[in-house]
Amino acid sequence: MGRSQATFGKKENEKKRLKKRNDKAERKEERQANAKNGSNLDEMLAYVDEDGNITSTPPDPTKKKKEIKVEDITLGARKQEEEDPADAIRQGTVSFFNDSKGYGFIKDQKTQESIFVHANGLINQIKENDKVSFEVEMGQKGPNAVRVRLAG
């Protein structure tokens, strides 16, 4: 007679597959037994209170609701206030300037923000730590200092 074609390894792998299948079936039956079938609608509902928090209790209908006028609602971004033309000229100090590449940064005295400056926006030659006056225009990547001249 010929020997069985199933080797020990094949028999072990088949036993593992059967055990895995049986374990999966047991877990499925356990989930189905513990599932809440037909839970009522009230348990599934969630409410949002006046502060925007999610709660399980419905809002109190006797509580006075706050009236909001339609005119008070603004959609979109708030309009920025236009600057005075007299306030357009700012003062600052050159914090960094690279002559070979032709760009640098000016630190505004009022807002303490760093504003980019390019050699094309210069009226006088500048170097680091110079006191300058300048105007700000929006560039592609943010505010740019233009019409930069030495202060004093």
Protein backbone atom coordinates (compact mmCIF):
# COMPACT_ATOMS: atom_id res chain seq x y z
CA MET A 1 0.00 0.00 0.00
CA GLY A 2 1.03 3.57 -0.65
CA ARG A 3 1.66 6.08 2.04
CA SER A 4 -0.81 8.85 2.77
CA GLN A 5 -0.21 12.01 0.76
CA ALA A 6 -0.95 14.24 3.80
CA THR A 7 2.23 15.00 5.69
CA PHE A 8 2.44 15.98 9.34
CA GLY A 9 2.77 19.69 8.45
CA LYS A 10 -0.27 19.61 6.21
CA LYS A 11 -2.34 17.92 8.94
CA GLU A 12 -1.25 20.56 11.47
CA ASN A 13 -2.14 23.42 9.13
CA GLU A 14 -5.59 21.90 8.52
CA LYS A 15 -6.14 21.59 12.30
CA LYS A 16 -5.20 25.28 12.74
CA ARG A 17 -7.63 26.36 10.00
CA LEU A 18 -10.47 24.35 11.56
CA LYS A 19 -9.74 25.78 15.03
CA LYS A 20 -9.65 29.31 13.64
CA ARG A 21 -12.97 28.79 11.82
CA ASN A 22 -14.60 27.37 14.97
CA ASP A 23 -13.30 30.26 17.13
CA LYS A 24 -14.67 32.77 14.65
CA ALA A 25 -18.07 31.09 14.62
CA GLU A 26 -18.14 31.10 18.47
CA ARG A 27 -17.29 34.83 18.59
CA LYS A 28 -20.04 35.55 16.05
CA GLU A 29 -22.62 33.64 18.11
CA GLU A 30 -21.49 35.46 21.28
CA ARG A 31 -21.85 38.87 19.58
CA GLN A 32 -25.32 37.99 18.34
CA ALA A 33 -26.37 36.82 21.81
CA ASN A 34 -25.12 40.02 23.49
CA ALA A 35 -26.40 42.44 20.82
CA LYS A 36 -29.17 44.87 21.77
CA ASN A 37 -31.80 43.98 19.26
CA GLY A 38 -34.53 46.52 18.81
CA SER A 39 -33.15 49.14 21.20
CA ASN A 40 -35.63 51.99 21.32
CA LEU A 41 -35.22 55.29 19.48
CA ASP A 42 -34.86 57.40 22.64
CA GLU A 43 -31.62 55.62 23.57
CA MET A 44 -30.14 56.38 20.16
CA LEU A 45 -30.96 60.13 20.07
CA ALA A 46 -28.45 62.84 20.98
CA TYR A 47 -29.20 66.51 21.62
CA VAL A 48 -27.14 69.66 21.27
CA ASP A 49 -27.41 72.20 24.12
CA GLU A 50 -27.12 76.01 23.81
CA ASP A 51 -23.33 75.83 24.17
CA GLY A 52 -22.97 73.33 21.31
CA ASN A 53 -22.23 70.32 23.54
CA ILE A 54 -23.80 66.92 22.78
CA THR A 55 -26.04 65.60 25.59
CA SER A 56 -28.44 62.70 26.07
CA THR A 57 -31.16 64.84 27.66
CA PRO A 58 -33.54 66.91 25.53
CA PRO A 59 -33.51 70.70 25.94
CA ASP A 60 -35.90 72.27 28.47
CA PRO A 61 -38.86 73.72 26.51
CA THR A 62 -39.78 76.11 29.37
CA LYS A 63 -36.41 77.85 29.15
CA LYS A 64 -36.50 81.26 27.42
CA LYS A 65 -34.69 81.21 24.09
CA LYS A 66 -32.39 84.05 23.11
CA GLU A 67 -33.64 86.09 20.15
CA ILE A 68 -31.10 86.86 17.42
CA LYS A 69 -31.73 89.47 14.76
CA VAL A 70 -31.06 88.46 11.18
CA GLU A 71 -29.16 91.72 10.60
CA ASP A 72 -26.62 90.75 13.30
CA ILE A 73 -25.56 87.60 11.45
CA THR A 74 -22.55 88.10 9.18
CA LEU A 75 -21.51 85.56 6.63
CA GLY A 76 -17.93 85.35 5.40
CA ALA A 77 -14.85 87.17 6.59
CA ARG A 78 -14.99 90.48 8.39
CA LYS A 79 -13.93 93.48 6.33
CA GLN A 80 -10.54 94.85 7.26
CA GLU A 81 -10.40 98.48 8.23
CA GLU A 82 -8.54 100.68 5.79
CA GLU A 83 -5.38 102.27 7.16
CA ASP A 84 -4.95 106.03 7.20
CA PRO A 85 -2.66 107.28 4.43
CA ALA A 86 -0.67 109.15 7.07
CA ASP A 87 -0.25 105.87 8.97
CA ALA A 88 0.93 104.07 5.80
CA ILE A 89 4.55 105.13 6.29
CA ARG A 90 6.08 102.92 8.95
CA GLN A 91 9.35 103.02 10.86
CA GLY A 92 11.57 100.04 11.51
CA THR A 93 15.03 98.54 11.80
CA VAL A 94 16.73 96.30 9.24
CA SER A 95 17.15 92.99 11.05
CA PHE A 96 18.77 91.14 8.11
CA PHE A 97 19.87 92.09 4.60
CA ASN A 98 21.85 90.04 2.07
CA ASP A 99 23.44 92.35 -0.53
CA SER A 100 24.48 89.55 -2.87
CA LYS A 101 20.98 88.06 -3.08
CA GLY A 102 19.17 91.39 -2.76
CA TYR A 103 16.65 90.66 -0.03
CA GLY A 104 16.21 90.98 3.71
CA PHE A 105 13.80 91.69 6.55
CA ILE A 106 12.74 94.81 8.42
CA LYS A 107 11.38 94.66 11.96
CA ASP A 108 8.44 97.07 12.31
CA GLN A 109 8.72 99.29 15.42
CA LYS A 110 4.96 99.37 16.08
CA THR A 111 3.87 95.76 15.48
CA GLN A 112 7.26 94.06 15.97
CA GLU A 113 6.55 91.90 12.89
CA SER A 114 9.21 90.99 10.36
CA ILE A 115 8.47 92.32 6.87
CA PHE A 116 10.21 91.10 3.73
CA VAL A 117 12.16 93.64 1.68
CA HIS A 118 13.64 93.18 -1.80
CA ALA A 119 16.32 95.28 -3.45
CA ASN A 120 13.74 96.44 -6.04
CA GLY A 121 11.81 98.20 -3.25
CA LEU A 122 14.79 100.23 -2.01
CA ILE A 123 15.28 103.96 -2.54
CA ASN A 124 18.58 104.13 -0.55
CA GLN A 125 21.11 101.37 0.02
CA ILE A 126 20.55 99.70 3.41
CA LYS A 127 22.47 97.38 5.70
CA GLU A 128 21.72 95.57 8.95
CA ASN A 129 20.69 97.67 11.99
CA ASP A 130 19.82 100.72 9.83
CA LYS A 131 16.76 102.74 10.89
CA VAL A 132 14.42 102.98 7.90
CA SER A 133 11.00 104.27 6.91
CA PHE A 134 8.93 102.23 4.49
CA GLU A 135 5.46 101.40 3.18
CA VAL A 136 3.85 97.99 3.17
CA GLU A 137 2.19 96.34 0.18
CA MET A 138 0.83 92.81 -0.05
CA GLY A 139 2.94 90.57 -2.26
CA GLN A 140 2.35 87.01 -3.44
CA LYS A 141 3.60 85.46 -0.21
CA GLY A 142 2.67 88.18 2.30
CA PRO A 143 3.53 91.77 3.23
CA ASN A 144 6.47 93.39 1.42
CA ALA A 145 8.27 96.60 2.35
CA VAL A 146 8.44 99.06 -0.56
CA ARG A 147 9.82 102.59 -0.98
CA VAL A 148 12.38 101.89 1.74
CA ARG A 149 14.60 104.87 2.64
CA LEU A 150 17.00 105.56 5.45
CA ALA A 151 15.36 107.43 8.35
CA GLY A 152 16.93 110.57 9.72
